[in-house]
Protein backbone atom coordinates (compact mmCIF):
# COMPACT_ATOMS: atom_id res chain seq x y z
CA MET A 1 138.02 118.16 93.64
CA SER A 2 140.96 119.86 94.93
CA GLU A 3 141.98 119.40 98.47
CA PRO A 4 141.53 123.22 99.35
CA GLU A 5 137.92 122.95 97.74
CA ARG A 6 137.23 119.90 99.94
CA GLN A 7 138.44 121.50 102.92
CA ARG A 8 136.10 124.49 102.31
CA HIS A 9 133.10 122.23 101.90
CA VAL A 10 134.03 120.33 105.07
CA ARG A 11 133.87 123.54 106.88
CA GLU A 12 130.58 124.44 105.47
CA LEU A 13 129.43 121.09 106.63
CA MET A 14 130.65 121.56 110.08
CA LYS A 15 129.31 125.06 110.33
CA ALA A 16 125.77 123.75 109.08
CA ARG A 17 125.96 121.07 111.70
CA ARG A 18 126.64 123.47 114.48
CA ASP A 19 123.69 125.57 113.11
CA VAL A 20 121.37 122.65 113.44
CA LYS A 21 122.57 122.10 116.98
CA ALA A 22 121.93 125.81 117.74
CA ALA A 23 118.46 125.83 116.23
CA LYS A 24 117.36 122.73 117.91
CA ALA A 25 118.44 124.21 121.17
CA SER A 26 116.52 127.52 120.45
CA GLY A 27 113.50 125.79 119.11
CA ASP A 28 113.68 127.89 115.91
CA ASP A 29 111.88 125.78 113.40
CA ASP A 30 112.68 128.13 110.37
CA ALA A 31 116.46 128.13 111.44
CA LEU A 32 116.49 124.33 111.70
CA ARG A 33 115.09 123.86 108.23
CA GLU A 34 117.77 126.32 106.92
CA ALA A 35 120.54 124.68 108.89
CA ARG A 36 119.32 121.17 107.61
CA ASP A 37 119.21 122.36 103.87
CA ALA A 38 122.81 123.73 104.29
CA VAL A 39 123.83 120.40 105.74
CA ASN A 40 122.37 118.54 102.75
CA LYS A 41 123.99 121.06 100.28
CA ALA A 42 127.44 120.63 101.74
CA LYS A 43 127.10 116.83 101.61
CA ILE A 44 126.04 117.07 98.03
CA LYS A 45 129.17 119.11 97.38
CA LEU A 46 131.22 116.54 99.07
CA GLY A 47 129.66 113.80 97.07
CA GLU A 48 128.01 112.19 100.12
CA ARG A 49 124.60 112.58 98.48
CA GLY A 50 123.32 112.51 94.98
CA PRO A 51 123.53 109.89 92.36
CA THR A 52 125.08 106.68 93.40
CA TRP A 53 128.60 105.94 92.11
CA TRP A 54 127.75 102.16 91.25
CA GLY A 55 125.26 103.00 88.52
CA ASP A 56 121.93 101.76 90.04
CA ASP A 57 120.09 103.52 92.71
CA ILE A 58 118.09 100.35 93.95
CA ASP A 59 118.38 100.03 97.72
CA HIS A 60 119.03 96.21 98.51
CA ASN A 61 119.65 96.93 102.30
CA ARG A 62 116.38 96.01 103.32
CA LYS A 63 116.42 92.50 101.55
CA LEU A 64 117.89 89.27 102.78
CA VAL A 65 120.85 88.63 100.70
CA GLN A 66 119.49 85.45 99.19
CA ASN A 67 116.70 87.73 97.81
CA SER A 68 118.96 90.14 96.27
CA PRO A 69 121.10 90.17 93.10
CA TYR A 70 124.01 89.34 95.44
CA ALA A 71 122.75 85.80 96.24
CA ASP A 72 125.21 83.96 93.93
CA TRP A 73 128.16 86.06 95.39
CA TRP A 74 127.04 85.35 98.76
CA GLU A 75 126.74 81.60 98.15
CA ALA A 76 130.17 81.53 96.61
CA ARG A 77 132.05 83.05 99.36
């Protein structure tokens, strides 16, 4: 992605976040859903959401390291 394109997506994300704040303040549930959807779309465009880059989509964050595929690496440190 080019730098100008990235900056455009960042601006979209920041606007969407401001819209979330405004919708929360106003209590408008429909506007809040729309704003959160816009945040999600901007994050996807920026590569912050979607398929993982490391190839597996398994979340090992809620496991003890010794109970994860990283146990051998951890022990070797």
